Protein backbone atom coordinates (compact mmCIF):
# COMPACT_ATOMS: atom_id res chain seq x y z
CA MET A 1 -5.51 99.59 -196.43
CA THR A 2 -5.83 100.46 -200.08
CA ALA A 3 -5.01 98.73 -203.32
CA GLN A 4 -4.04 100.80 -206.31
CA PHE A 5 -4.17 99.71 -209.94
CA THR A 6 -2.19 100.98 -212.88
CA LEU A 7 -2.63 100.06 -216.52
CA ALA A 8 -0.07 100.60 -219.23
CA LEU A 9 -1.26 102.21 -222.45
CA LEU A 10 0.07 101.05 -225.80
CA GLY A 11 0.60 103.45 -228.65
CA VAL A 12 1.28 102.73 -232.30
CA LEU A 13 3.36 105.22 -234.23
CA GLY A 14 3.16 105.41 -238.04
CA LEU A 15 6.40 106.19 -239.82
CA ALA A 16 6.60 107.58 -243.34
CA ALA A 17 7.77 104.93 -245.81
CA PRO A 18 9.05 105.35 -249.35
CA ALA A 19 6.46 104.98 -252.11
CA MET A 20 6.01 101.36 -253.19
CA PRO A 21 4.89 100.06 -256.56
CA GLN A 22 1.13 99.44 -256.79
CA ASP A 23 1.40 95.67 -257.19
CA VAL A 24 3.40 95.10 -253.98
CA ARG A 25 1.37 94.60 -250.83
CA VAL A 26 2.83 94.69 -247.36
CA PRO A 27 0.80 92.73 -244.80
CA CYS A 28 -0.10 94.70 -241.72
CA SER A 29 -1.15 92.56 -238.79
CA LEU A 30 -2.35 95.66 -236.94
CA CYS A 31 -4.56 96.71 -239.85
CA THR A 32 -6.44 93.47 -240.50
CA PRO A 33 -9.87 93.34 -238.93
CA ASN A 34 -9.22 89.98 -237.21
CA SER A 35 -6.11 91.07 -235.34
CA GLU A 36 -6.35 92.24 -231.75
CA LEU A 37 -4.04 94.51 -229.86
CA PRO A 38 -2.62 92.98 -226.70
CA ASP A 39 -4.63 93.84 -223.61
CA ASP A 40 -2.47 94.94 -220.67
CA LYS A 41 -5.40 95.00 -218.29
CA PRO A 42 -4.94 92.17 -215.79
CA ALA A 43 -7.53 89.41 -215.87
CA ASN A 44 -7.57 89.34 -212.06
CA PRO A 45 -7.40 92.66 -210.23
CA VAL A 46 -5.02 92.78 -207.29
CA LYS A 47 -6.73 92.53 -203.89
CA LEU A 48 -5.41 93.18 -200.42
CA ASP A 49 -6.80 91.67 -197.21
CA VAL A 50 -5.57 92.39 -193.69
CA GLU A 51 -5.67 89.06 -191.88
CA VAL A 52 -4.13 90.28 -188.59
CA ASN A 53 -3.94 93.92 -187.45
CA LEU A 54 -0.61 95.30 -186.24
CA ASP A 55 -1.16 95.60 -182.48
CA PHE A 56 1.35 96.69 -179.83
CA ASP A 57 -1.26 95.78 -177.19
CA ARG A 58 0.00 97.15 -173.84
CA LEU A 59 3.22 99.01 -173.20
CA VAL A 60 4.71 99.37 -169.73
CA LEU A 61 5.78 102.97 -169.09
CA THR A 62 8.26 103.75 -166.31
CA GLY A 63 7.55 107.47 -166.24
CA VAL A 64 7.32 110.65 -168.26
CA GLY A 65 9.69 111.00 -171.18
CA ASP A 66 10.49 109.65 -174.60
CA GLY A 67 10.38 105.95 -175.33
CA SER A 68 9.99 103.57 -178.22
CA ALA A 69 8.66 100.08 -178.70
CA GLU A 70 9.81 98.03 -181.68
CA LEU A 71 7.86 95.06 -183.00
CA GLY A 72 9.66 93.41 -185.91
CA PRO A 73 7.94 91.52 -188.73
CA ASP A 74 9.42 88.35 -187.23
CA GLY A 75 7.77 89.09 -183.85
CA ALA A 76 10.96 90.32 -182.14
CA ARG A 77 10.30 92.95 -179.46
CA ASN A 78 12.51 95.73 -178.14
CA ALA A 79 11.72 98.61 -175.78
CA THR A 80 13.86 101.68 -175.00
CA GLY A 81 13.59 104.89 -172.99
CA SER A 82 10.53 105.28 -170.80
CA ILE A 83 9.00 102.07 -172.20
CA THR A 84 10.25 98.97 -170.43
CA ALA A 85 8.11 96.18 -171.88
CA ILE A 86 5.79 95.23 -174.73
CA SER A 87 2.90 92.90 -173.91
CA ALA A 88 3.26 89.25 -174.90
CA ARG A 89 -0.06 89.68 -176.72
CA ALA A 90 1.40 92.20 -179.19
CA MET A 91 0.94 90.98 -182.78
CA VAL A 92 2.63 91.80 -186.06
CA GLY A 93 0.33 92.64 -188.95
CA GLU A 94 -0.35 89.98 -191.57
CA VAL A 95 -1.46 90.94 -195.07
CA MET A 96 -2.58 88.71 -197.96
CA ILE A 97 -2.30 89.91 -201.56
CA ARG A 98 -4.36 88.06 -204.20
CA GLY A 99 -4.17 88.46 -207.95
CA GLU A 100 -2.83 86.87 -211.12
CA PRO A 101 -0.58 83.86 -210.50
CA ASP A 102 3.19 84.39 -210.87
CA ARG A 103 2.90 88.17 -211.33
CA TYR A 104 5.41 90.53 -209.75
CA VAL A 105 3.93 93.30 -207.60
CA ARG A 106 5.12 96.59 -206.14
CA ILE A 107 4.09 97.07 -202.52
CA GLU A 108 4.56 100.42 -200.75
CA LEU A 109 4.26 100.95 -197.02
CA PRO A 110 4.12 104.47 -195.55
CA ARG A 111 7.20 105.81 -193.76
CA GLN A 112 5.21 107.07 -190.80
CA ILE A 113 1.64 107.34 -189.56
CA GLU A 114 0.02 109.06 -186.61
CA LEU A 115 -2.08 107.14 -184.14
CA HIS A 116 -4.78 109.17 -182.38
CA GLY A 117 -6.02 108.51 -178.87
CA TYR A 118 -9.59 108.82 -177.70
CA SER A 119 -8.45 111.39 -175.14
CA GLY A 120 -6.77 113.54 -177.80
CA GLY A 121 -3.13 112.41 -177.66
CA VAL A 122 -1.04 111.49 -180.71
CA ILE A 123 1.82 109.00 -181.05
CA ARG A 124 3.87 108.07 -184.14
CA LEU A 125 4.36 104.69 -185.78
CA GLU A 126 7.57 104.88 -187.81
CA SER A 127 9.97 102.66 -189.67
CA LEU A 128 7.33 100.25 -190.92
CA ARG A 129 9.09 97.10 -192.10
CA SER A 130 7.94 93.89 -193.72
CA ASP A 131 9.34 90.46 -194.47
CA LEU A 132 8.71 90.90 -198.22
CA PRO A 133 11.40 89.69 -200.62
CA GLN A 134 13.30 92.26 -202.71
CA MET A 135 11.09 91.52 -205.76
CA PRO A 136 7.66 90.45 -204.41
CA ARG A 137 5.87 87.94 -206.61
CA LEU A 138 2.51 86.21 -206.31
CA ASP A 139 2.80 82.42 -206.14
CA GLY A 140 1.28 79.90 -208.58
CA THR A 141 -2.12 80.29 -206.89
CA GLY A 142 -1.97 84.11 -207.10
CA ARG A 143 -1.20 84.72 -203.41
CA LEU A 144 1.47 86.48 -201.40
CA LYS A 145 1.38 86.73 -197.62
CA PHE A 146 3.65 89.06 -195.67
CA ARG A 147 4.07 90.41 -192.16
CA VAL A 148 4.49 94.02 -191.02
CA GLY A 149 6.04 95.55 -187.91
CA GLY A 150 7.36 98.94 -186.91
CA VAL A 151 8.62 101.30 -184.21
CA LEU A 152 6.14 103.12 -181.98
CA HIS A 153 7.42 106.41 -180.48
CA VAL A 154 5.86 107.78 -177.30
CA THR A 155 6.61 111.27 -175.97
CA GLY A 156 5.33 112.61 -172.66
CA ASP A 157 2.81 111.19 -170.27
CA LEU A 158 0.23 109.58 -172.55
CA SER A 159 -2.18 106.83 -171.76
CA GLY A 160 -5.15 105.23 -173.44
CA ALA A 161 -5.93 103.38 -176.64
CA PHE A 162 -4.51 104.76 -179.89
CA ARG A 163 -5.65 103.85 -183.39
CA GLY A 164 -4.71 104.63 -186.96
CA ASP A 165 -4.79 103.24 -190.51
CA VAL A 166 -1.74 101.99 -192.42
CA PRO A 167 -2.32 102.64 -196.13
CA ILE A 168 -0.63 100.05 -198.34
CA ASP A 169 -0.39 100.54 -202.13
CA VAL A 170 -0.13 97.45 -204.37
CA ASP A 171 0.45 97.49 -208.14
CA TYR A 172 1.25 94.83 -210.72
CA LEU A 173 4.61 95.32 -212.39
């Protein structure tokens, strides 16, 4: 999982002004040596920790053919096609974001990833979903915990353990 940081840059534009008499002074808070420009760099960088890996554990296959196993962020399970059951030990992923208290964040999950088997097979994890609110925000202690699930598609007669990484991008808003 990755965390990504973005910083906004401020620019000051000078506009031409009409000539002013010599004895009139206009204070410029940006020009005085004691003034400081606002710093948009966050005091606390955003951090992401995976507390529980998304794990479909064992799937029961009834034969050759297409099938899918769905594991929702709430733990709900559903199997269709050649997959008839998802193990009771399957676990949704749990992610903790840490950063500046009360800051809004943008969190992006990939649409699809490939999981590779040790024996050379490939299966797809699609439709990654989370239980994040519409506008995710860190709480007063600078934390936000969310859960992730998805739909695993199996085609053909595959067996074995499959692994892959789910990149997650997090930015302050």
